[in-house]
Amino acid sequence: MATSSIFSNIHIKGEASCRSFLDAVESSEKTMPDRTRIPIKIKELKTKEDIKDAFKTK
C-alpha cells in the first residue's frame, strides 16, 4: 500500500475542485472495510509528579 501520498500538500482552487476532492474522500471512506476498534485505557498526566511516575524505571 502506498503511503507517500499522505505526506503531500493539497492545494484546492475553486468550488469544482473542492467538490471533486470531497467526493473522492467520501467514496474511499465508504469502500474501506469495517475496522475493529479496540478501546485503550489512558491516563492523563496532569502534575509533575504524574509525569515523573510515568517515566520512572521499575
N, C-alpha and C. Protein backbone atom coordinates (compact mmCIF):
# COMPACT_ATOMS: atom_id res chain seq x y z
N MET A 1 0.84 -1.17 0.00
CA MET A 1 0.00 0.00 0.00
C MET A 1 0.88 1.24 0.00
N ALA A 2 0.62 2.14 -0.88
CA ALA A 2 1.42 3.37 -0.97
C ALA A 2 1.01 4.32 0.15
N THR A 3 1.99 4.81 0.86
CA THR A 3 1.70 5.75 1.94
C THR A 3 2.35 7.10 1.72
N SER A 4 3.18 7.23 0.70
CA SER A 4 3.87 8.50 0.50
C SER A 4 2.89 9.62 0.16
N SER A 5 1.72 9.29 -0.36
CA SER A 5 0.76 10.33 -0.74
C SER A 5 0.20 11.07 0.47
N ILE A 6 0.26 10.49 1.66
CA ILE A 6 -0.27 11.20 2.83
C ILE A 6 0.62 12.34 3.25
N PHE A 7 1.82 12.42 2.70
CA PHE A 7 2.74 13.49 3.05
C PHE A 7 2.72 14.62 2.02
N SER A 8 1.79 14.58 1.09
CA SER A 8 1.71 15.60 0.04
C SER A 8 0.84 16.76 0.50
N ASN A 9 1.19 17.95 0.05
CA ASN A 9 0.34 19.11 0.29
C ASN A 9 -0.70 19.16 -0.81
N ILE A 10 -1.92 19.47 -0.44
CA ILE A 10 -3.01 19.54 -1.40
C ILE A 10 -3.44 20.99 -1.52
N HIS A 11 -3.45 21.49 -2.73
CA HIS A 11 -3.89 22.86 -2.99
C HIS A 11 -5.14 22.78 -3.84
N ILE A 12 -6.26 23.18 -3.28
CA ILE A 12 -7.53 23.12 -3.98
C ILE A 12 -7.94 24.54 -4.34
N LYS A 13 -8.19 24.74 -5.62
CA LYS A 13 -8.61 26.05 -6.10
C LYS A 13 -9.94 25.89 -6.82
N GLY A 14 -10.94 26.55 -6.33
CA GLY A 14 -12.24 26.52 -6.99
C GLY A 14 -13.20 25.54 -6.36
N GLU A 15 -14.47 25.84 -6.51
CA GLU A 15 -15.52 25.02 -5.91
C GLU A 15 -15.60 23.64 -6.55
N ALA A 16 -15.40 23.54 -7.85
CA ALA A 16 -15.48 22.25 -8.54
C ALA A 16 -14.38 21.31 -8.04
N SER A 17 -13.18 21.83 -7.88
CA SER A 17 -12.08 21.00 -7.37
C SER A 17 -12.35 20.55 -5.95
N CYS A 18 -12.91 21.45 -5.14
CA CYS A 18 -13.23 21.12 -3.76
C CYS A 18 -14.27 20.01 -3.70
N ARG A 19 -15.33 20.15 -4.49
CA ARG A 19 -16.37 19.11 -4.50
C ARG A 19 -15.81 17.77 -4.98
N SER A 20 -14.97 17.81 -5.99
CA SER A 20 -14.38 16.58 -6.52
C SER A 20 -13.52 15.90 -5.46
N PHE A 21 -12.72 16.68 -4.75
CA PHE A 21 -11.87 16.12 -3.70
C PHE A 21 -12.71 15.52 -2.59
N LEU A 22 -13.73 16.23 -2.13
CA LEU A 22 -14.57 15.72 -1.05
C LEU A 22 -15.33 14.47 -1.48
N ASP A 23 -15.78 14.43 -2.73
CA ASP A 23 -16.45 13.22 -3.23
C ASP A 23 -15.50 12.03 -3.22
N ALA A 24 -14.26 12.26 -3.59
CA ALA A 24 -13.27 11.18 -3.59
C ALA A 24 -12.98 10.69 -2.18
N VAL A 25 -12.87 11.61 -1.22
CA VAL A 25 -12.63 11.23 0.17
C VAL A 25 -13.81 10.42 0.70
N GLU A 26 -15.02 10.90 0.47
CA GLU A 26 -16.21 10.18 0.93
C GLU A 26 -16.33 8.81 0.28
N SER A 27 -16.02 8.72 -0.99
CA SER A 27 -16.08 7.46 -1.70
C SER A 27 -15.09 6.45 -1.14
N SER A 28 -13.87 6.91 -0.87
CA SER A 28 -12.86 6.00 -0.33
C SER A 28 -13.23 5.54 1.07
N GLU A 29 -13.88 6.42 1.83
CA GLU A 29 -14.30 6.04 3.18
C GLU A 29 -15.37 4.96 3.13
N LYS A 30 -16.27 5.06 2.17
CA LYS A 30 -17.35 4.07 2.04
C LYS A 30 -16.84 2.71 1.59
N THR A 31 -15.76 2.68 0.82
CA THR A 31 -15.26 1.42 0.31
C THR A 31 -14.29 0.73 1.26
N MET A 32 -13.91 1.42 2.34
CA MET A 32 -12.99 0.80 3.30
C MET A 32 -13.71 -0.29 4.08
N PRO A 33 -13.02 -1.37 4.35
CA PRO A 33 -13.63 -2.42 5.17
C PRO A 33 -13.83 -1.91 6.60
N ASP A 34 -14.82 -2.47 7.26
CA ASP A 34 -15.04 -2.09 8.66
C ASP A 34 -13.81 -2.45 9.47
N ARG A 35 -13.44 -1.55 10.33
CA ARG A 35 -12.27 -1.80 11.17
C ARG A 35 -12.73 -2.09 12.59
N THR A 36 -12.08 -3.02 13.21
CA THR A 36 -12.38 -3.33 14.58
C THR A 36 -11.71 -2.30 15.47
N ARG A 37 -12.47 -1.73 16.35
CA ARG A 37 -11.92 -0.74 17.27
C ARG A 37 -11.66 -1.41 18.61
N ILE A 38 -10.46 -1.20 19.10
CA ILE A 38 -10.08 -1.76 20.38
C ILE A 38 -9.92 -0.61 21.36
N PRO A 39 -10.76 -0.57 22.39
CA PRO A 39 -10.63 0.53 23.35
C PRO A 39 -9.32 0.42 24.13
N ILE A 40 -8.71 1.55 24.37
CA ILE A 40 -7.48 1.55 25.16
C ILE A 40 -7.70 2.43 26.38
N LYS A 41 -7.01 2.08 27.44
CA LYS A 41 -7.12 2.84 28.68
C LYS A 41 -5.98 3.85 28.71
N ILE A 42 -6.32 5.10 28.94
CA ILE A 42 -5.29 6.14 29.02
C ILE A 42 -5.40 6.86 30.35
N LYS A 43 -4.31 7.46 30.75
CA LYS A 43 -4.30 8.26 31.97
C LYS A 43 -3.68 9.61 31.62
N GLU A 44 -4.41 10.67 31.89
CA GLU A 44 -3.90 12.00 31.61
C GLU A 44 -2.91 12.39 32.70
N LEU A 45 -1.74 12.84 32.26
CA LEU A 45 -0.71 13.26 33.21
C LEU A 45 -0.89 14.75 33.46
N LYS A 46 -1.36 15.08 34.67
CA LYS A 46 -1.71 16.47 34.96
C LYS A 46 -0.67 17.19 35.81
N THR A 47 0.06 16.46 36.60
CA THR A 47 1.01 17.11 37.52
C THR A 47 2.43 16.65 37.22
N LYS A 48 3.39 17.37 37.76
CA LYS A 48 4.78 16.98 37.60
C LYS A 48 5.03 15.61 38.21
N GLU A 49 4.37 15.33 39.31
CA GLU A 49 4.53 14.02 39.96
C GLU A 49 4.01 12.90 39.07
N ASP A 50 2.88 13.13 38.41
CA ASP A 50 2.33 12.13 37.48
C ASP A 50 3.34 11.83 36.36
N ILE A 51 3.96 12.87 35.83
CA ILE A 51 4.92 12.72 34.74
C ILE A 51 6.15 11.97 35.24
N LYS A 52 6.65 12.32 36.40
CA LYS A 52 7.81 11.62 36.97
C LYS A 52 7.49 10.15 37.17
N ASP A 53 6.32 9.86 37.71
CA ASP A 53 5.93 8.46 37.96
C ASP A 53 5.81 7.68 36.65
N ALA A 54 5.32 8.32 35.60
CA ALA A 54 5.15 7.63 34.32
C ALA A 54 6.49 7.24 33.71
N PHE A 55 7.52 8.05 33.92
CA PHE A 55 8.82 7.78 33.32
C PHE A 55 9.79 7.11 34.29
N LYS A 56 9.33 6.82 35.47
CA LYS A 56 10.18 6.15 36.46
C LYS A 56 10.45 4.71 36.02
N THR A 57 11.70 4.30 36.10
CA THR A 57 12.02 2.91 35.75
C THR A 57 11.63 2.02 36.90
N LYS A 58 11.11 0.88 36.54
CA LYS A 58 10.62 -0.06 37.56
C LYS A 58 11.56 -1.20 37.74
